[in-house]
C-alpha atoms as a PDB file:
ATOM      1  CA  UNK A   1     -16.073  -3.199  -9.107  1.00  0.00           C
ATOM      2  CA  UNK A   2     -13.410  -3.882 -11.700  1.00  0.00           C
ATOM      3  CA  UNK A   3     -13.973  -6.799 -14.069  1.00  0.00           C
ATOM      4  CA  UNK A   4     -10.869  -9.031 -13.834  1.00  0.00           C
ATOM      5  CA  UNK A   5      -9.274 -11.030 -16.615  1.00  0.00           C
ATOM      6  CA  UNK A   6      -9.106 -14.691 -15.595  1.00  0.00           C
ATOM      7  CA  UNK A   7      -5.995 -15.548 -17.610  1.00  0.00           C
ATOM      8  CA  UNK A   8      -2.638 -16.821 -16.415  1.00  0.00           C
ATOM      9  CA  UNK A   9      -0.263 -14.152 -15.068  1.00  0.00           C
ATOM     10  CA  UNK A  10       2.803 -13.092 -17.075  1.00  0.00           C
ATOM     11  CA  UNK A  11       5.488 -15.682 -16.226  1.00  0.00           C
ATOM     12  CA  UNK A  12       8.445 -13.363 -16.845  1.00  0.00           C
ATOM     13  CA  UNK A  13       7.145 -10.991 -14.185  1.00  0.00           C
ATOM     14  CA  UNK A  14       6.714 -13.692 -11.494  1.00  0.00           C
ATOM     15  CA  UNK A  15       9.129 -14.706  -8.763  1.00  0.00           C
ATOM     16  CA  UNK A  16       8.497 -17.262  -6.043  1.00  0.00           C
ATOM     17  CA  UNK A  17       7.801 -15.654  -2.677  1.00  0.00           C
ATOM     18  CA  UNK A  18       9.735 -17.582   0.032  1.00  0.00           C
ATOM     19  CA  UNK A  19       7.865 -18.386   3.237  1.00  0.00           C
ATOM     20  CA  UNK A  20       9.237 -16.639   6.322  1.00  0.00           C
ATOM     21  CA  UNK A  21       6.465 -17.568   8.815  1.00  0.00           C
ATOM     22  CA  UNK A  22       7.401 -14.578  10.925  1.00  0.00           C
ATOM     23  CA  UNK A  23      10.973 -15.765  11.517  1.00  0.00           C
ATOM     24  CA  UNK A  24      14.094 -13.602  11.338  1.00  0.00           C
ATOM     25  CA  UNK A  25      17.564 -14.663  10.114  1.00  0.00           C
ATOM     26  CA  UNK A  26      18.212 -16.559  13.367  1.00  0.00           C
ATOM     27  CA  UNK A  27      15.053 -18.677  13.020  1.00  0.00           C
ATOM     28  CA  UNK A  28      13.306 -17.053  15.985  1.00  0.00           C
ATOM     29  CA  UNK A  29       9.777 -15.730  15.762  1.00  0.00           C
ATOM     30  CA  UNK A  30      10.018 -11.949  15.335  1.00  0.00           C
ATOM     31  CA  UNK A  31       6.428 -11.367  14.051  1.00  0.00           C
ATOM     32  CA  UNK A  32       3.760 -13.418  15.760  1.00  0.00           C
ATOM     33  CA  UNK A  33       0.664 -15.018  14.233  1.00  0.00           C
ATOM     34  CA  UNK A  34       2.169 -15.714  10.798  1.00  0.00           C
ATOM     35  CA  UNK A  35       2.728 -19.009   8.994  1.00  0.00           C
ATOM     36  CA  UNK A  36       1.143 -21.820   6.991  1.00  0.00           C
ATOM     37  CA  UNK A  37       0.076 -19.873   3.908  1.00  0.00           C
ATOM     38  CA  UNK A  38      -0.327 -21.252   0.395  1.00  0.00           C
ATOM     39  CA  UNK A  39       2.477 -20.953  -2.127  1.00  0.00           C
ATOM     40  CA  UNK A  40       2.513 -17.503  -3.794  1.00  0.00           C
ATOM     41  CA  UNK A  41       4.212 -15.841  -6.708  1.00  0.00           C
ATOM     42  CA  UNK A  42       5.216 -12.204  -6.367  1.00  0.00           C
ATOM     43  CA  UNK A  43       4.211  -9.920  -9.270  1.00  0.00           C
ATOM     44  CA  UNK A  44       6.982  -7.455 -10.079  1.00  0.00           C
ATOM     45  CA  UNK A  45       5.190  -4.090  -9.998  1.00  0.00           C
ATOM     46  CA  UNK A  46       6.561  -1.102 -11.870  1.00  0.00           C
ATOM     47  CA  UNK A  47       6.341   1.655  -9.263  1.00  0.00           C
ATOM     48  CA  UNK A  48       8.769   3.928 -11.114  1.00  0.00           C
ATOM     49  CA  UNK A  49       6.881   4.132 -14.453  1.00  0.00           C
ATOM     50  CA  UNK A  50      10.061   5.487 -16.083  1.00  0.00           C
ATOM     51  CA  UNK A  51       9.286   4.767 -19.778  1.00  0.00           C
ATOM     52  CA  UNK A  52       8.819   8.423 -20.638  1.00  0.00           C
ATOM     53  CA  UNK A  53       6.783   9.133 -23.776  1.00  0.00           C
ATOM     54  CA  UNK A  54       6.152   5.458 -24.615  1.00  0.00           C
ATOM     55  CA  UNK A  55       2.463   4.581 -24.660  1.00  0.00           C
ATOM     56  CA  UNK A  56       1.208   1.273 -23.280  1.00  0.00           C
ATOM     57  CA  UNK A  57      -2.054  -0.625 -23.677  1.00  0.00           C
ATOM     58  CA  UNK A  58      -3.806  -2.423 -20.829  1.00  0.00           C
ATOM     59  CA  UNK A  59      -3.880  -6.124 -21.684  1.00  0.00           C
ATOM     60  CA  UNK A  60      -5.392  -7.544 -18.487  1.00  0.00           C
ATOM     61  CA  UNK A  61      -6.664  -6.704 -15.003  1.00  0.00           C
ATOM     62  CA  UNK A  62      -5.576  -9.385 -12.519  1.00  0.00           C
ATOM     63  CA  UNK A  63      -5.884 -10.313  -8.882  1.00  0.00           C
ATOM     64  CA  UNK A  64      -2.685 -10.026  -6.843  1.00  0.00           C
ATOM     65  CA  UNK A  65      -2.529 -12.205  -3.710  1.00  0.00           C
ATOM     66  CA  UNK A  66       0.265 -10.099  -2.210  1.00  0.00           C
ATOM     67  CA  UNK A  67      -1.603  -6.785  -1.969  1.00  0.00           C
ATOM     68  CA  UNK A  68      -5.086  -5.344  -1.453  1.00  0.00           C
ATOM     69  CA  UNK A  69      -5.234  -3.681  -4.894  1.00  0.00           C
ATOM     70  CA  UNK A  70      -5.637  -5.371  -8.274  1.00  0.00           C
ATOM     71  CA  UNK A  71      -2.867  -5.072 -10.845  1.00  0.00           C
ATOM     72  CA  UNK A  72      -2.974  -4.192 -14.562  1.00  0.00           C
ATOM     73  CA  UNK A  73      -0.710  -5.792 -17.195  1.00  0.00           C
ATOM     74  CA  UNK A  74       0.619  -3.207 -19.645  1.00  0.00           C
ATOM     75  CA  UNK A  75       2.155  -3.878 -23.024  1.00  0.00           C
ATOM     76  CA  UNK A  76       4.229  -1.004 -24.336  1.00  0.00           C
ATOM     77  CA  UNK A  77       4.524  -0.074 -27.983  1.00  0.00           C
ATOM     78  CA  UNK A  78       8.075  -1.521 -27.978  1.00  0.00           C
ATOM     79  CA  UNK A  79       6.750  -4.914 -26.814  1.00  0.00           C
ATOM     80  CA  UNK A  80       7.783  -4.804 -23.166  1.00  0.00           C
ATOM     81  CA  UNK A  81       5.255  -5.877 -20.559  1.00  0.00           C
ATOM     82  CA  UNK A  82       4.969  -4.549 -16.994  1.00  0.00           C
ATOM     83  CA  UNK A  83       2.551  -4.710 -14.090  1.00  0.00           C
ATOM     84  CA  UNK A  84       1.159  -1.573 -12.428  1.00  0.00           C
ATOM     85  CA  UNK A  85      -1.413  -0.912  -9.701  1.00  0.00           C
ATOM     86  CA  UNK A  86      -4.855  -0.830 -11.311  1.00  0.00           C
ATOM     87  CA  UNK A  87      -6.535   2.540 -10.717  1.00  0.00           C
ATOM     88  CA  UNK A  88     -10.295   3.007 -10.521  1.00  0.00           C
ATOM     89  CA  UNK A  89     -11.752   3.511 -14.000  1.00  0.00           C
ATOM     90  CA  UNK A  90      -8.958   1.734 -15.922  1.00  0.00           C
ATOM     91  CA  UNK A  91     -10.229  -0.909 -18.346  1.00  0.00           C
ATOM     92  CA  UNK A  92      -8.728  -3.500 -20.696  1.00  0.00           C
ATOM     93  CA  UNK A  93      -7.759  -1.831 -23.949  1.00  0.00           C
ATOM     94  CA  UNK A  94      -7.091   1.629 -22.518  1.00  0.00           C
ATOM     95  CA  UNK A  95      -3.887   3.511 -23.365  1.00  0.00           C
ATOM     96  CA  UNK A  96      -1.680   4.940 -20.617  1.00  0.00           C
ATOM     97  CA  UNK A  97       1.402   7.132 -20.841  1.00  0.00           C
ATOM     98  CA  UNK A  98       4.159   8.715 -18.736  1.00  0.00           C
ATOM     99  CA  UNK A  99       5.344  12.247 -19.384  1.00  0.00           C
ATOM    100  CA  UNK A 100       4.757  15.955 -18.919  1.00  0.00           C
ATOM    101  CA  UNK A 101       2.299  16.000 -21.826  1.00  0.00           C
ATOM    102  CA  UNK A 102       0.176  13.033 -20.626  1.00  0.00           C
ATOM    103  CA  UNK A 103      -3.567  13.602 -20.213  1.00  0.00           C
ATOM    104  CA  UNK A 104      -5.172  13.759 -16.769  1.00  0.00           C
ATOM    105  CA  UNK A 105      -6.849  10.364 -16.939  1.00  0.00           C
ATOM    106  CA  UNK A 106      -6.556   7.291 -14.658  1.00  0.00           C
ATOM    107  CA  UNK A 107      -3.276   5.395 -15.114  1.00  0.00           C
ATOM    108  CA  UNK A 108      -1.273   8.223 -16.667  1.00  0.00           C
ATOM    109  CA  UNK A 109       1.847   9.465 -14.850  1.00  0.00           C
ATOM    110  CA  UNK A 110       2.901  13.125 -14.600  1.00  0.00           C
ATOM    111  CA  UNK A 111       5.063  15.261 -12.330  1.00  0.00           C
ATOM    112  CA  UNK A 112       2.873  16.680  -9.557  1.00  0.00           C
ATOM    113  CA  UNK A 113       3.944  20.209 -10.593  1.00  0.00           C
ATOM    114  CA  UNK A 114       2.083  19.730 -13.916  1.00  0.00           C
ATOM    115  CA  UNK A 115      -1.196  18.732 -12.210  1.00  0.00           C
ATOM    116  CA  UNK A 116      -3.912  21.292 -11.404  1.00  0.00           C
ATOM    117  CA  UNK A 117      -5.108  21.759  -7.806  1.00  0.00           C
ATOM    118  CA  UNK A 118      -7.697  19.146  -6.881  1.00  0.00           C
ATOM    119  CA  UNK A 119      -6.278  16.309  -9.026  1.00  0.00           C
ATOM    120  CA  UNK A 120      -6.691  12.877  -7.451  1.00  0.00           C
ATOM    121  CA  UNK A 121      -3.412  10.924  -7.372  1.00  0.00           C
ATOM    122  CA  UNK A 122      -1.801   7.738  -6.035  1.00  0.00           C
ATOM    123  CA  UNK A 123       1.605   5.985  -6.148  1.00  0.00           C
ATOM    124  CA  UNK A 124       3.457   9.174  -5.174  1.00  0.00           C
ATOM    125  CA  UNK A 125       7.222   9.548  -5.148  1.00  0.00           C
ATOM    126  CA  UNK A 126       8.690  10.922  -1.912  1.00  0.00           C
ATOM    127  CA  UNK A 127      11.904  11.792  -3.784  1.00  0.00           C
ATOM    128  CA  UNK A 128      12.121  12.212  -7.586  1.00  0.00           C
ATOM    129  CA  UNK A 129      13.345   9.027  -9.306  1.00  0.00           C
ATOM    130  CA  UNK A 130      12.788   6.911  -6.205  1.00  0.00           C
ATOM    131  CA  UNK A 131       9.598   5.237  -7.386  1.00  0.00           C
ATOM    132  CA  UNK A 132       6.127   5.434  -5.840  1.00  0.00           C
ATOM    133  CA  UNK A 133       6.064   4.988  -2.078  1.00  0.00           C
ATOM    134  CA  UNK A 134       2.838   6.636  -0.894  1.00  0.00           C
ATOM    135  CA  UNK A 135      -0.829   5.748  -1.519  1.00  0.00           C
ATOM    136  CA  UNK A 136      -0.618   2.184  -2.856  1.00  0.00           C
ATOM    137  CA  UNK A 137      -3.438   0.400  -0.938  1.00  0.00           C
ATOM    138  CA  UNK A 138      -6.816  -0.473  -2.423  1.00  0.00           C
ATOM    139  CA  UNK A 139      -9.276   2.414  -2.524  1.00  0.00           C
ATOM    140  CA  UNK A 140      -6.807   5.045  -1.317  1.00  0.00           C
ATOM    141  CA  UNK A 141      -6.203   8.418  -2.975  1.00  0.00           C
ATOM    142  CA  UNK A 142      -4.540  11.716  -2.261  1.00  0.00           C
ATOM    143  CA  UNK A 143      -5.085  15.040  -4.010  1.00  0.00           C
ATOM    144  CA  UNK A 144      -3.111  18.096  -4.988  1.00  0.00           C
ATOM    145  CA  UNK A 145      -3.899  20.665  -2.290  1.00  0.00           C
ATOM    146  CA  UNK A 146      -1.746  23.743  -3.093  1.00  0.00           C
ATOM    147  CA  UNK A 147       1.410  24.902  -4.837  1.00  0.00           C
ATOM    148  CA  UNK A 148       4.407  26.764  -3.405  1.00  0.00           C
ATOM    149  CA  UNK A 149       7.500  27.702  -5.430  1.00  0.00           C
ATOM    150  CA  UNK A 150       9.401  24.430  -5.960  1.00  0.00           C
ATOM    151  CA  UNK A 151       6.980  22.288  -3.972  1.00  0.00           C
ATOM    152  CA  UNK A 152       3.425  20.964  -4.249  1.00  0.00           C
ATOM    153  CA  UNK A 153       1.288  20.344  -1.169  1.00  0.00           C
ATOM    154  CA  UNK A 154      -0.416  16.925  -1.206  1.00  0.00           C
ATOM    155  CA  UNK A 155      -3.242  16.034   1.170  1.00  0.00           C
ATOM    156  CA  UNK A 156      -3.010  12.378   2.204  1.00  0.00           C
ATOM    157  CA  UNK A 157      -5.932  10.164   3.282  1.00  0.00           C
ATOM    158  CA  UNK A 158      -4.884  10.527   6.940  1.00  0.00           C
ATOM    159  CA  UNK A 159      -5.397  14.305   6.735  1.00  0.00           C
ATOM    160  CA  UNK A 160      -1.656  14.993   6.705  1.00  0.00           C
ATOM    161  CA  UNK A 161      -0.483  17.663   4.231  1.00  0.00           C
ATOM    162  CA  UNK A 162       2.995  17.017   2.863  1.00  0.00           C
ATOM    163  CA  UNK A 163       5.292  18.912   0.563  1.00  0.00           C
ATOM    164  CA  UNK A 164       6.648  17.091  -2.512  1.00  0.00           C
ATOM    165  CA  UNK A 165       9.073  18.405  -5.133  1.00  0.00           C
ATOM    166  CA  UNK A 166       7.533  19.698  -8.356  1.00  0.00           C
ATOM    167  CA  UNK A 167       9.251  16.960 -10.423  1.00  0.00           C
ATOM    168  CA  UNK A 168       8.114  14.083  -8.193  1.00  0.00           C
ATOM    169  CA  UNK A 169       5.982  11.693 -10.246  1.00  0.00           C
ATOM    170  CA  UNK A 170       2.491  10.515  -9.373  1.00  0.00           C
ATOM    171  CA  UNK A 171      -0.198   8.415 -11.071  1.00  0.00           C
ATOM    172  CA  UNK A 172      -3.547  10.030 -11.800  1.00  0.00           C
ATOM    173  CA  UNK A 173      -6.604   8.534 -10.176  1.00  0.00           C
ATOM    174  CA  UNK A 174      -7.633   6.511  -7.161  1.00  0.00           C
ATOM    175  CA  UNK A 175      -6.361   2.973  -6.485  1.00  0.00           C
ATOM    176  CA  UNK A 176      -9.032   0.500  -7.561  1.00  0.00           C
ATOM    177  CA  UNK A 177     -10.829  -2.239  -5.640  1.00  0.00           C
ATOM    178  CA  UNK A 178     -12.287   0.232  -3.143  1.00  0.00           C
ATOM    179  CA  UNK A 179     -14.686  -2.480  -1.901  1.00  0.00           C
ATOM    180  CA  UNK A 180     -11.774  -4.274  -0.252  1.00  0.00           C
ATOM    181  CA  UNK A 181     -12.563  -2.895   3.213  1.00  0.00           C
ATOM    182  CA  UNK A 182     -16.055  -4.386   3.135  1.00  0.00           C
ATOM    183  CA  UNK A 183     -14.875  -7.945   2.346  1.00  0.00           C
ATOM    184  CA  UNK A 184     -15.059 -10.599   5.071  1.00  0.00           C
ATOM    185  CA  UNK A 185     -12.635 -13.528   5.329  1.00  0.00           C
ATOM    186  CA  UNK A 186     -15.547 -15.756   6.282  1.00  0.00           C
ATOM    187  CA  UNK A 187     -13.781 -18.863   7.590  1.00  0.00           C
ATOM    188  CA  UNK A 188     -10.841 -19.688   9.790  1.00  0.00           C
ATOM    189  CA  UNK A 189      -9.442 -21.950   7.066  1.00  0.00           C
ATOM    190  CA  UNK A 190      -9.273 -19.088   4.570  1.00  0.00           C
ATOM    191  CA  UNK A 191      -7.341 -17.021   7.105  1.00  0.00           C
ATOM    192  CA  UNK A 192      -4.853 -19.892   7.601  1.00  0.00           C
ATOM    193  CA  UNK A 193      -4.325 -20.176   3.855  1.00  0.00           C
ATOM    194  CA  UNK A 194      -3.593 -16.469   3.820  1.00  0.00           C
ATOM    195  CA  UNK A 195      -0.814 -17.035   6.357  1.00  0.00           C
ATOM    196  CA  UNK A 196      -2.684 -15.733   9.405  1.00  0.00           C
ATOM    197  CA  UNK A 197      -2.361 -17.925  12.520  1.00  0.00           C
ATOM    198  CA  UNK A 198      -4.733 -17.643  15.508  1.00  0.00           C
ATOM    199  CA  UNK A 199      -4.335 -14.759  17.898  1.00  0.00           C
ATOM    200  CA  UNK A 200      -5.281 -15.029  21.590  1.00  0.00           C
ATOM    201  CA  UNK A 201      -6.525 -11.983  23.514  1.00  0.00           C
ATOM    202  CA  UNK A 202      -4.153 -10.647  26.136  1.00  0.00           C
ATOM    203  CA  UNK A 203      -6.883 -10.675  28.809  1.00  0.00           C
ATOM    204  CA  UNK A 204      -7.381 -14.392  28.259  1.00  0.00           C
ATOM    205  CA  UNK A 205      -3.716 -15.201  29.023  1.00  0.00           C
ATOM    206  CA  UNK A 206      -1.909 -15.591  32.313  1.00  0.00           C
ATOM    207  CA  UNK A 207       0.091 -12.665  33.745  1.00  0.00           C
ATOM    208  CA  UNK A 208       3.429 -14.276  32.829  1.00  0.00           C
ATOM    209  CA  UNK A 209       2.468 -14.343  29.145  1.00  0.00           C
ATOM    210  CA  UNK A 210       0.910 -10.916  28.762  1.00  0.00           C
ATOM    211  CA  UNK A 211       0.580  -7.678  30.793  1.00  0.00           C
ATOM    212  CA  UNK A 212      -3.214  -7.828  30.391  1.00  0.00           C
ATOM    213  CA  UNK A 213      -3.444 -11.347  31.875  1.00  0.00           C
ATOM    214  CA  UNK A 214      -4.525 -12.572  35.307  1.00  0.00           C
ATOM    215  CA  UNK A 215      -7.183 -11.348  37.682  1.00  0.00           C
ATOM    216  CA  UNK A 216     -10.302 -12.952  39.099  1.00  0.00           C
ATOM    217  CA  UNK A 217     -12.838 -13.666  36.381  1.00  0.00           C
ATOM    218  CA  UNK A 218     -13.128 -11.416  33.319  1.00  0.00           C
ATOM    219  CA  UNK A 219     -11.324  -8.492  34.882  1.00  0.00           C
ATOM    220  CA  UNK A 220     -10.346  -6.681  31.677  1.00  0.00           C
ATOM    221  CA  UNK A 221      -6.995  -4.988  31.078  1.00  0.00           C
ATOM    222  CA  UNK A 222      -6.589  -3.938  34.727  1.00  0.00           C
ATOM    223  CA  UNK A 223      -4.115  -1.095  34.149  1.00  0.00           C
ATOM    224  CA  UNK A 224      -4.179   2.585  33.136  1.00  0.00           C
ATOM    225  CA  UNK A 225      -3.016   2.000  29.556  1.00  0.00           C
ATOM    226  CA  UNK A 226      -3.106  -1.072  27.307  1.00  0.00           C
ATOM    227  CA  UNK A 227       0.333  -2.538  26.639  1.00  0.00           C
ATOM    228  CA  UNK A 228       1.983  -4.860  24.152  1.00  0.00           C
ATOM    229  CA  UNK A 229       3.090  -8.382  25.193  1.00  0.00           C
ATOM    230  CA  UNK A 230       6.508  -6.836  25.975  1.00  0.00           C
ATOM    231  CA  UNK A 231       5.140  -4.098  28.224  1.00  0.00           C
ATOM    232  CA  UNK A 232       5.264  -1.156  25.786  1.00  0.00           C
ATOM    233  CA  UNK A 233       2.374   1.308  25.838  1.00  0.00           C
ATOM    234  CA  UNK A 234       0.106   1.017  22.806  1.00  0.00           C
ATOM    235  CA  UNK A 235      -2.163   4.087  23.103  1.00  0.00           C
ATOM    236  CA  UNK A 236      -1.146   7.726  23.120  1.00  0.00           C
ATOM    237  CA  UNK A 237       2.624   7.325  23.241  1.00  0.00           C
ATOM    238  CA  UNK A 238       4.331   9.151  20.360  1.00  0.00           C
ATOM    239  CA  UNK A 239       6.886   7.002  18.530  1.00  0.00           C
ATOM    240  CA  UNK A 240       8.051   9.352  15.754  1.00  0.00           C
ATOM    241  CA  UNK A 241      11.602  10.687  16.050  1.00  0.00           C
ATOM    242  CA  UNK A 242      11.666  14.393  16.959  1.00  0.00           C
ATOM    243  CA  UNK A 243      14.494  15.147  14.548  1.00  0.00           C
ATOM    244  CA  UNK A 244      13.313  12.973  11.648  1.00  0.00           C
ATOM    245  CA  UNK A 245      14.601  14.389   8.338  1.00  0.00           C
ATOM    246  CA  UNK A 246      11.177  14.565   6.716  1.00  0.00           C
ATOM    247  CA  UNK A 247       9.613  16.750   9.467  1.00  0.00           C
ATOM    248  CA  UNK A 248      10.383  19.846   7.369  1.00  0.00           C
ATOM    249  CA  UNK A 249       8.224  18.545   4.540  1.00  0.00           C
ATOM    250  CA  UNK A 250       5.115  18.072   6.700  1.00  0.00           C
ATOM    251  CA  UNK A 251       2.912  21.143   6.564  1.00  0.00           C
ATOM    252  CA  UNK A 252       0.158  19.702   8.745  1.00  0.00           C
ATOM    253  CA  UNK A 253       0.259  16.549  10.836  1.00  0.00           C
ATOM    254  CA  UNK A 254      -2.377  13.868  10.503  1.00  0.00           C
ATOM    255  CA  UNK A 255      -5.461  14.000  12.707  1.00  0.00           C
END
């Protein structure tokens, strides 16, 4: 478990996070069971890590209410401060760096083509220069599986093997706070402060409100396949587009 720094977050990297409560631009509820959370500030996370060759020192490890992982406050040698996802094994006072010549230690950023097979990585770029999009949740990690000409094969936590360009950047190490999955909310009040409103089982509703509703007594779902409140199948039906552009980069589908 990472030891956090209980100091105030960096004000210049904070923006107020407006409350949506699951409403869209028309004011209608588009995502159910959201609303009533405490006021939050969003920490601007540097997913690009584009300060090539400039070393930075870890000044603090902080809790972020907007994500499962903790964040680390970096101060670069030119004085600039940025937040990054805190990988496992990163401590206050450590030095991190971005570049082809960076060491293979947690927090450093290199192109995946410069990493040996078996290296554990997170915050992967799908396209070079786009910024990290994959493997950003607490405790998650991928690893370099194989190399092929201009591409590197990355094995994701789901079991999927995907091809990334050699010059796509990735951060070395596993995302910290791996104990997140074992934590319990504990009370209904804590869930409400997190913005989670109560959710009623479909089988406990009437048939006009949910496809699972109705029946005499506790009759269960009562149909061949469970469905969403709008009648869409929720188990087994494939939802990925057949001609999605990234299909050619997937070597092996997830389990």
